[in-house]
Amino acid sequence: SISLSSDRMCECDESWFGDACQFQEECTLSGKESRELCKNQQGVVCSNRGTCHCGSCMCDNEDKRGMVTGRFCECDDSECLDEETGEICGGHGQCYCGNCYCAAGWHGDKCEFQCDMSPWESRQRCTSPDGKICSNRGTCVCGECNCHDVDPSGDWGDIHGDTCECDERNCHATYDRYTDDFCSGHGQCNCGRCDCKEGWAGNKCEHPLSCSLSLESSLKKCRGTSNLPCFGRGQCQCGQCTCHPPGDSRVHGKNCECDDRQCEDISGEVCGGHGYCSCGRCICEKGWFGKLCQFPRSCDMSDAQSKGLCETSDGVICSGKGSCHCGKCICNPQDWWVSGEYCECDDRECDKHDGIICTGNGLCNCGNCECWDGWNGNACEIWVGEEY
C-alpha cells in the first residue's frame, strides 16, 4: 500500500520510489528491453528529456516544477509559460502536453489575446461553404480558422483557405509522398484539385495520354488481384507498376504483390532465422512453424512449465485469445488482429493510411506502428528518406 503524508507526498513501500511510487528499485529487464519500452514513436529514448529506468521514463525536472511529463517525457509544459508574466497560459487557460487550451473569450498560443466578438459571430465567420466549422479540418479562434497541419515533415500545412476548405493532400498520388511533387509532377494543385498539363489526365495527372490504354484499363492492369493499384506499394503508369521504395528489392512482382518486409520482425531478422522468405511469406525449416517461424515444434519442458510461462498476471493463459505451446502463446489465427507476447494486443488500433495498416511501411506492434527506415508518422505514411 501507499500512504500519503500531511503535505500530500507519497511514502513508498520498500523497493519502490518516485513521486507516485511508480519506479521499481530492482529491475528484471535487460538494458535493451528497458530502452525499447522507453522509446517514443520516433524511436528516441524518453524524448531526450529524461532517463530510462526499468522500462519507465524518469523525466528531467531539475527546477522541481514538474514541467516535463508524459509516458515518454514527450510533454514540455514550459512551452505554455507566458514569457512576460511567467503564468501558465497567461492565467486564461489550461496547459496540456505543451499546448494551451484557452478559456472562452481568449485565444493565442499562450491565451494572451482577448476576443472582441460574440461566439455566434466567430462561428459564422469560420463556417465553410459546406456548413462545417473550418471544414472539420481546423479550429475556430475568434472568427479565424487555424487549419490542422497534418504533415510535420513539411514547411507549411497541406490544409489551407479561409475556412480550411483546401486540402492539398488530395493532389498527392499514393507514391507522390516520396517527393514534394503535386499531381504526379504533371499538373498544378488548386485548392485540392489537380489541373493537368497538356498530355496528362487523371485525378492526380498520373496517366499519360500517349498511353494506348485508357486510364481505367491501366489501373485495372496494375491492380491484379488487389483493390489498390500495385497493391498500394508502387506507382502505376500505363499499366506498368514501379515498386517502391526505389532500390529496395524486398518489394517486387509484376503488381508489387510481393513484400518480403513482411517476413521480418521488428529487429529486422528474417523468418526468425529458421526459414526463408518467398513473396512475403516465410517457408520454415523442419522443426519450426509460425508466421515468422518463431515456434519450435517440440521442446524439453512439461505442460505445467509451459502453461506457467503463458499465464498473465491475472492467471489467464494467453489472455484467453490463444493457445500455449512450449511456453509461448500462439494467438488465434482467425482473429488476425490479436497479437503480443500474451495475445494481449489489438492490432486494429494501429493507424491506417490509404486503407492499409501502417501504410504497409512498418509493423503493427501492440496497437502502435513501428516504421521501417525512411518512414515516419502515426501510420508510417510520411517518407523522410532521400528524395529521388
Protein backbone atom coordinates (compact mmCIF):
# COMPACT_ATOMS: atom_id res chain seq x y z
CA SER A 1 0.00 0.00 0.00
CA ILE A 2 0.95 3.66 -0.41
CA SER A 3 0.39 6.19 2.35
CA LEU A 4 0.17 9.96 1.99
CA SER A 5 1.94 12.31 4.36
CA SER A 6 0.35 15.52 5.54
CA ASP A 7 1.85 17.54 2.67
CA ARG A 8 0.35 15.05 0.15
CA MET A 9 3.67 13.40 -0.78
CA CYS A 10 3.71 9.62 -1.36
CA GLU A 11 5.57 7.46 1.13
CA CYS A 12 6.58 4.44 -0.91
CA ASP A 13 6.70 0.78 0.06
CA GLU A 14 10.06 -0.94 0.19
CA SER A 15 11.72 -1.43 -3.25
CA TRP A 16 9.60 1.33 -4.89
CA PHE A 17 10.41 5.01 -5.45
CA GLY A 18 9.33 8.09 -7.41
CA ASP A 19 6.79 10.89 -6.85
CA ALA A 20 3.95 8.39 -7.36
CA CYS A 21 5.93 5.27 -6.32
CA GLN A 22 5.99 4.25 -9.97
CA PHE A 23 9.62 3.05 -10.20
CA GLN A 24 10.98 -0.30 -9.04
CA GLU A 25 14.46 -0.34 -7.46
CA GLU A 26 15.24 -3.88 -8.66
CA CYS A 27 14.77 -4.42 -12.38
CA THR A 28 14.35 -7.80 -14.09
CA LEU A 29 14.54 -6.34 -17.61
CA SER A 30 17.75 -6.29 -19.66
CA GLY A 31 19.13 -2.88 -20.64
CA LYS A 32 17.97 -3.37 -24.24
CA GLU A 33 14.44 -4.43 -23.19
CA SER A 34 14.23 -1.45 -20.85
CA ARG A 35 15.33 1.03 -23.55
CA GLU A 36 12.85 -0.40 -26.07
CA LEU A 37 9.98 0.26 -23.64
CA CYS A 38 11.20 3.84 -23.15
CA LYS A 39 11.31 4.78 -26.84
CA ASN A 40 8.76 7.25 -28.22
CA GLN A 41 7.19 6.82 -31.68
CA GLN A 42 10.26 8.35 -33.30
CA GLY A 43 12.48 5.78 -31.55
CA VAL A 44 14.05 8.33 -29.18
CA VAL A 45 14.57 7.18 -25.58
CA CYS A 46 12.47 9.33 -23.24
CA SER A 47 12.31 12.03 -25.97
CA ASN A 48 15.81 13.15 -24.89
CA ARG A 49 14.15 14.77 -21.85
CA GLY A 50 14.68 12.07 -19.25
CA THR A 51 16.41 8.85 -18.25
CA CYS A 52 15.12 5.32 -18.65
CA HIS A 53 14.73 3.14 -15.56
CA CYS A 54 13.42 -0.40 -15.91
CA GLY A 55 11.22 0.44 -18.92
CA SER A 56 9.85 3.67 -17.40
CA CYS A 57 10.95 7.23 -18.15
CA MET A 58 12.15 9.49 -15.32
CA CYS A 59 11.66 12.96 -16.76
CA ASP A 60 14.19 15.75 -16.22
CA ASN A 61 12.65 18.24 -13.80
CA GLU A 62 15.64 19.91 -12.19
CA ASP A 63 13.63 23.04 -11.38
CA LYS A 64 11.18 20.85 -9.37
CA ARG A 65 8.23 22.43 -11.21
CA GLY A 66 7.27 19.19 -12.94
CA MET A 67 7.04 20.76 -16.39
CA VAL A 68 8.30 17.70 -18.33
CA THR A 69 5.68 14.95 -18.24
CA GLY A 70 4.24 12.05 -20.25
CA ARG A 71 4.98 8.36 -20.52
CA PHE A 72 7.95 9.13 -22.78
CA CYS A 73 8.62 12.65 -21.39
CA GLU A 74 7.09 13.90 -24.63
CA CYS A 75 5.30 16.84 -22.99
CA ASP A 76 7.11 20.04 -22.05
CA ASP A 77 4.65 22.34 -20.32
CA SER A 78 7.23 25.14 -20.08
CA GLU A 79 6.07 25.93 -23.64
CA CYS A 80 2.81 27.14 -22.05
CA LEU A 81 4.53 29.76 -19.87
CA ASP A 82 3.83 33.39 -20.67
CA GLU A 83 7.31 34.94 -21.01
CA GLU A 84 6.20 38.28 -19.54
CA THR A 85 4.10 37.15 -16.57
CA GLY A 86 5.52 33.65 -16.03
CA GLU A 87 1.94 32.38 -15.73
CA ILE A 88 0.77 29.19 -17.42
CA CYS A 89 -1.35 30.12 -20.46
CA GLY A 90 -1.43 33.72 -19.22
CA GLY A 91 -3.80 32.66 -16.46
CA HIS A 92 -6.57 32.26 -19.07
CA GLY A 93 -6.40 28.58 -19.92
CA GLN A 94 -5.16 25.08 -19.14
CA CYS A 95 -1.91 23.54 -20.36
CA TYR A 96 -1.94 20.01 -21.76
CA CYS A 97 1.23 18.49 -23.14
CA GLY A 98 2.79 21.86 -24.05
CA ASN A 99 -0.36 23.28 -25.64
CA CYS A 100 -2.67 25.91 -24.17
CA TYR A 101 -6.41 25.32 -24.20
CA CYS A 102 -7.90 28.75 -23.67
CA ALA A 103 -10.93 29.78 -21.67
CA ALA A 104 -13.90 31.24 -23.56
CA GLY A 105 -13.11 34.67 -24.97
CA TRP A 106 -9.33 34.17 -25.05
CA HIS A 107 -7.02 32.91 -27.80
CA GLY A 108 -3.38 32.83 -28.89
CA ASP A 109 -0.56 30.33 -28.30
CA LYS A 110 -0.41 31.44 -24.65
CA CYS A 111 -4.06 32.63 -24.37
CA GLU A 112 -2.73 36.19 -24.44
CA PHE A 113 -5.38 37.73 -26.71
CA GLN A 114 -8.95 38.56 -25.80
CA CYS A 115 -11.64 38.15 -28.47
CA ASP A 116 -13.88 41.15 -29.17
CA MET A 117 -16.70 39.30 -30.96
CA SER A 118 -19.51 37.06 -29.80
CA PRO A 119 -19.15 33.26 -30.05
CA TRP A 120 -22.02 33.25 -32.59
CA GLU A 121 -20.27 35.78 -34.87
CA SER A 122 -16.99 33.87 -34.52
CA ARG A 123 -18.63 30.60 -35.65
CA GLN A 124 -20.35 32.36 -38.56
CA ARG A 125 -17.04 33.62 -39.90
CA CYS A 126 -15.48 30.15 -39.57
CA THR A 127 -18.29 28.28 -41.33
CA SER A 128 -17.17 26.77 -44.65
CA PRO A 129 -19.39 26.61 -47.79
CA ASP A 130 -20.49 23.07 -46.82
CA GLY A 131 -21.77 24.34 -43.45
CA LYS A 132 -18.98 22.88 -41.31
CA ILE A 133 -16.81 24.82 -38.86
CA CYS A 134 -13.41 25.18 -40.56
CA SER A 135 -14.39 22.27 -42.88
CA ASN A 136 -13.77 19.93 -39.90
CA ARG A 137 -10.07 20.43 -40.62
CA GLY A 138 -9.20 23.19 -38.18
CA THR A 139 -10.21 25.09 -35.06
CA CYS A 140 -12.10 28.39 -34.96
CA VAL A 141 -10.37 31.10 -32.93
CA CYS A 142 -12.08 34.48 -32.72
CA GLY A 143 -13.53 34.25 -36.23
CA GLU A 144 -10.39 32.83 -37.86
CA CYS A 145 -9.65 29.21 -38.75
CA ASN A 146 -6.39 27.65 -37.59
CA CYS A 147 -6.03 24.76 -40.03
CA HIS A 148 -4.51 21.50 -38.84
CA ASP A 149 -1.01 20.86 -40.16
CA VAL A 150 -1.13 17.12 -40.67
CA ASP A 151 2.34 16.65 -42.14
CA PRO A 152 5.09 17.54 -39.63
CA SER A 153 7.76 16.92 -42.29
CA GLY A 154 6.56 19.85 -44.41
CA ASP A 155 7.37 23.55 -44.09
CA TRP A 156 3.71 24.57 -44.24
CA GLY A 157 0.32 22.99 -43.76
CA ASP A 158 -1.25 20.92 -46.51
CA ILE A 159 -4.64 22.31 -45.41
CA HIS A 160 -5.39 25.97 -46.02
CA GLY A 161 -8.02 28.51 -47.05
CA ASP A 162 -10.10 30.98 -45.03
CA THR A 163 -12.24 28.10 -43.75
CA CYS A 164 -9.66 25.29 -44.32
CA GLU A 165 -11.63 24.29 -47.43
CA CYS A 166 -8.49 23.41 -49.43
CA ASP A 167 -6.81 20.08 -48.76
CA GLU A 168 -3.63 19.73 -50.84
CA ARG A 169 -3.28 16.10 -49.75
CA ASN A 170 -5.93 15.32 -52.37
CA CYS A 171 -3.32 16.23 -55.00
CA HIS A 172 -0.83 13.61 -53.81
CA ALA A 173 -0.92 10.29 -55.63
CA THR A 174 -0.24 7.27 -53.42
CA TYR A 175 3.50 7.37 -54.06
CA ASP A 176 3.91 11.10 -54.59
CA ARG A 177 4.60 11.22 -50.87
CA TYR A 178 8.23 10.32 -51.62
CA THR A 179 8.69 13.74 -53.19
CA ASP A 180 7.37 17.28 -52.95
CA ASP A 181 5.66 16.95 -56.35
CA PHE A 182 1.92 17.54 -56.50
CA CYS A 183 -0.23 15.98 -59.21
CA SER A 184 2.46 13.41 -60.08
CA GLY A 185 4.66 16.31 -61.21
CA HIS A 186 2.40 16.83 -64.24
CA GLY A 187 -0.02 19.49 -63.02
CA GLN A 188 -0.87 22.31 -60.66
CA CYS A 189 -2.74 21.79 -57.40
CA ASN A 190 -5.52 24.34 -56.90
CA CYS A 191 -7.36 24.01 -53.61
CA GLY A 192 -7.03 20.22 -53.58
CA ARG A 193 -7.82 19.66 -57.29
CA CYS A 194 -5.26 18.89 -59.99
CA ASP A 195 -5.17 20.97 -63.19
CA CYS A 196 -3.13 18.74 -65.52
CA LYS A 197 -0.56 19.86 -68.06
CA GLU A 198 -1.16 19.08 -71.71
CA GLY A 199 -0.70 15.36 -72.41
CA TRP A 200 -1.71 14.16 -68.92
CA ALA A 201 -5.02 13.06 -67.38
CA GLY A 202 -6.48 11.54 -64.21
CA ASN A 203 -7.42 12.91 -60.80
CA LYS A 204 -3.70 13.11 -59.94
CA CYS A 205 -2.43 13.70 -63.54
CA GLU A 206 -0.89 10.25 -63.34
CA HIS A 207 -1.94 8.99 -66.79
CA PRO A 208 -0.07 9.94 -69.99
CA LEU A 209 -2.43 10.47 -72.95
CA SER A 210 0.28 8.94 -75.13
CA CYS A 211 -0.54 5.58 -73.48
CA SER A 212 -2.52 3.21 -75.72
CA LEU A 213 -4.59 2.13 -72.69
CA SER A 214 -7.38 4.15 -71.12
CA LEU A 215 -6.88 5.33 -67.54
CA GLU A 216 -9.32 2.69 -66.21
CA SER A 217 -7.68 -0.11 -68.24
CA SER A 218 -4.27 0.98 -66.98
CA LEU A 219 -5.39 0.92 -63.34
CA LYS A 220 -7.14 -2.44 -63.82
CA LYS A 221 -3.96 -3.97 -65.21
CA CYS A 222 -1.96 -2.58 -62.25
CA ARG A 223 -4.42 -3.87 -59.65
CA GLY A 224 -4.09 -7.55 -60.41
CA THR A 225 -5.87 -9.34 -57.55
CA SER A 226 -5.74 -6.29 -55.26
CA ASN A 227 -8.26 -3.46 -54.93
CA LEU A 228 -5.36 -0.97 -55.00
CA PRO A 229 -3.09 -0.29 -58.00
CA CYS A 230 0.25 -2.03 -57.48
CA PHE A 231 -1.05 -3.40 -54.15
CA GLY A 232 -0.55 0.09 -52.68
CA ARG A 233 3.22 -0.43 -52.91
CA GLY A 234 4.10 1.22 -56.19
CA GLN A 235 3.26 3.68 -58.94
CA CYS A 236 1.07 2.70 -61.89
CA GLN A 237 1.78 4.22 -65.28
CA CYS A 238 0.26 2.89 -68.49
CA GLY A 239 -0.49 -0.49 -66.91
CA GLN A 240 3.04 -0.97 -65.55
CA CYS A 241 3.96 -0.93 -61.85
CA THR A 242 7.13 0.63 -60.45
CA CYS A 243 7.59 -0.73 -56.93
CA HIS A 244 8.67 1.49 -54.06
CA PRO A 245 10.82 2.42 -52.24
CA PRO A 246 13.20 2.56 -55.20
CA GLY A 247 16.21 0.31 -54.88
CA ASP A 248 14.54 -1.85 -52.20
CA SER A 249 14.41 -5.31 -53.79
CA ARG A 250 12.21 -6.63 -50.96
CA VAL A 251 9.13 -5.20 -52.73
CA HIS A 252 8.77 -6.94 -56.09
CA GLY A 253 6.44 -8.72 -58.53
CA LYS A 254 4.53 -7.66 -61.64
CA ASN A 255 1.97 -5.81 -59.48
CA CYS A 256 4.32 -5.29 -56.47
CA GLU A 257 2.37 -8.15 -54.88
CA CYS A 258 5.40 -9.49 -53.00
CA ASP A 259 6.53 -7.62 -49.89
CA ASP A 260 9.38 -9.53 -48.28
CA ARG A 261 9.49 -6.97 -45.45
CA GLN A 262 6.52 -8.93 -44.03
CA CYS A 263 8.96 -11.76 -43.25
CA GLU A 264 10.97 -9.55 -40.89
CA ASP A 265 10.40 -8.92 -37.19
CA ILE A 266 10.92 -5.52 -35.57
CA SER A 267 14.67 -6.13 -35.26
CA GLY A 268 14.93 -6.99 -38.98
CA GLU A 269 15.53 -10.73 -38.58
CA VAL A 270 14.08 -12.75 -41.49
CA CYS A 271 11.78 -15.65 -40.56
CA GLY A 272 13.26 -15.83 -37.06
CA GLY A 273 16.47 -17.25 -38.52
CA HIS A 274 14.63 -20.54 -39.10
CA GLY A 275 13.45 -20.23 -42.68
CA TYR A 276 13.48 -18.20 -45.88
CA CYS A 277 11.11 -15.65 -47.39
CA SER A 278 9.09 -16.30 -50.54
CA CYS A 279 6.89 -13.46 -51.81
CA GLY A 280 6.24 -12.09 -48.33
CA ARG A 281 5.62 -15.48 -46.66
CA CYS A 282 8.04 -17.47 -44.52
CA ILE A 283 8.90 -21.03 -45.57
CA CYS A 284 10.08 -22.61 -42.32
CA GLU A 285 12.84 -25.14 -41.77
CA LYS A 286 11.92 -28.57 -40.44
CA GLY A 287 11.06 -28.35 -36.75
CA TRP A 288 9.75 -24.76 -36.83
CA PHE A 289 6.41 -23.12 -37.62
CA GLY A 290 4.53 -19.81 -37.29
CA LYS A 291 4.13 -16.71 -39.44
CA LEU A 292 7.78 -15.80 -38.71
CA CYS A 293 8.96 -19.39 -37.98
CA GLN A 294 9.15 -18.35 -34.34
CA PHE A 295 7.74 -21.53 -32.75
CA PRO A 296 9.68 -24.81 -32.28
CA ARG A 297 7.54 -27.92 -32.95
CA SER A 298 8.87 -29.65 -29.82
CA CYS A 299 10.61 -28.57 -26.63
CA ASP A 300 12.05 -30.00 -23.44
CA MET A 301 9.53 -28.76 -20.86
CA SER A 302 6.49 -30.14 -19.10
CA ASP A 303 2.94 -28.99 -19.84
CA ALA A 304 2.78 -27.27 -16.44
CA GLN A 305 6.06 -25.42 -17.06
CA SER A 306 4.84 -24.32 -20.48
CA LYS A 307 1.50 -23.02 -19.17
CA GLY A 308 3.25 -21.18 -16.35
CA LEU A 309 5.15 -19.11 -18.94
CA CYS A 310 1.94 -18.32 -20.85
CA GLU A 311 -0.06 -17.04 -17.90
CA THR A 312 -0.73 -13.34 -17.47
CA SER A 313 -0.70 -11.69 -14.03
CA ASP A 314 -4.40 -12.50 -13.57
CA GLY A 315 -3.77 -16.21 -14.16
CA VAL A 316 -5.36 -16.38 -17.63
CA ILE A 317 -3.47 -18.34 -20.29
CA CYS A 318 -2.69 -16.21 -23.37
CA SER A 319 -5.35 -13.64 -22.33
CA GLY A 320 -7.99 -16.18 -23.33
CA LYS A 321 -7.23 -15.46 -27.01
CA GLY A 322 -4.74 -18.17 -27.90
CA SER A 323 -3.14 -21.49 -27.00
CA CYS A 324 0.11 -22.21 -25.20
CA HIS A 325 2.91 -24.14 -26.91
CA CYS A 326 6.42 -24.60 -25.49
CA GLY A 327 5.99 -21.64 -23.16
CA LYS A 328 4.86 -19.27 -25.94
CA CYS A 329 1.41 -18.04 -26.87
CA ILE A 330 0.02 -18.84 -30.32
CA CYS A 331 -2.77 -16.32 -30.89
CA ASN A 332 -6.00 -17.39 -32.60
CA PRO A 333 -5.25 -17.23 -36.37
CA GLN A 334 -8.88 -16.49 -37.26
CA ASP A 335 -8.64 -13.23 -35.26
CA TRP A 336 -5.84 -11.63 -37.32
CA TRP A 337 -5.75 -8.55 -35.10
CA VAL A 338 -4.80 -10.41 -31.90
CA SER A 339 -1.06 -10.24 -31.18
CA GLY A 340 1.51 -9.74 -28.44
CA GLU A 341 3.57 -12.00 -26.21
CA TYR A 342 0.40 -12.95 -24.30
CA CYS A 343 -2.12 -12.21 -27.13
CA GLU A 344 -2.98 -9.04 -25.21
CA CYS A 345 -2.77 -6.61 -28.15
CA ASP A 346 -5.36 -5.47 -30.69
CA ASP A 347 -3.70 -4.53 -33.99
CA ARG A 348 -6.92 -2.91 -35.20
CA GLU A 349 -5.82 0.05 -33.06
CA CYS A 350 -2.89 0.71 -35.42
CA ASP A 351 -3.37 3.71 -37.68
CA LYS A 352 -4.19 3.24 -41.37
CA HIS A 353 -3.43 5.31 -44.47
CA ASP A 354 -4.84 4.54 -47.92
CA GLY A 355 -6.81 1.81 -46.11
CA ILE A 356 -3.63 -0.11 -45.20
CA ILE A 357 -2.44 -0.68 -41.61
CA CYS A 358 0.79 1.28 -41.04
CA THR A 359 0.52 2.13 -44.78
CA GLY A 360 2.42 -1.11 -45.43
CA ASN A 361 5.59 0.73 -44.38
CA GLY A 362 6.02 -0.69 -40.90
CA LEU A 363 4.85 -3.32 -38.46
CA CYS A 364 1.91 -3.05 -36.10
CA ASN A 365 3.29 -3.63 -32.60
CA CYS A 366 0.60 -3.81 -29.93
CA GLY A 367 -1.57 -1.06 -31.41
CA ASN A 368 1.31 1.21 -32.48
CA CYS A 369 3.04 1.37 -35.85
CA GLU A 370 6.78 0.64 -35.78
CA CYS A 371 8.01 2.25 -39.01
CA TRP A 372 10.74 0.91 -41.24
CA ASP A 373 13.76 3.12 -42.00
CA GLY A 374 12.85 6.18 -44.06
CA TRP A 375 9.25 6.37 -42.80
CA ASN A 376 7.56 8.43 -40.11
CA GLY A 377 4.08 9.39 -38.92
CA ASN A 378 1.44 7.63 -36.82
CA ALA A 379 0.65 5.35 -39.78
CA CYS A 380 4.19 5.37 -41.28
CA GLU A 381 2.69 7.43 -44.11
CA ILE A 382 5.37 10.14 -44.29
CA TRP A 383 8.51 9.48 -46.32
CA VAL A 384 11.51 11.19 -44.68
CA GLY A 385 14.21 9.31 -46.61
CA GLU A 386 16.09 10.64 -49.60
CA GLU A 387 14.16 12.24 -52.43
CA TYR A 388 14.55 10.84 -55.92
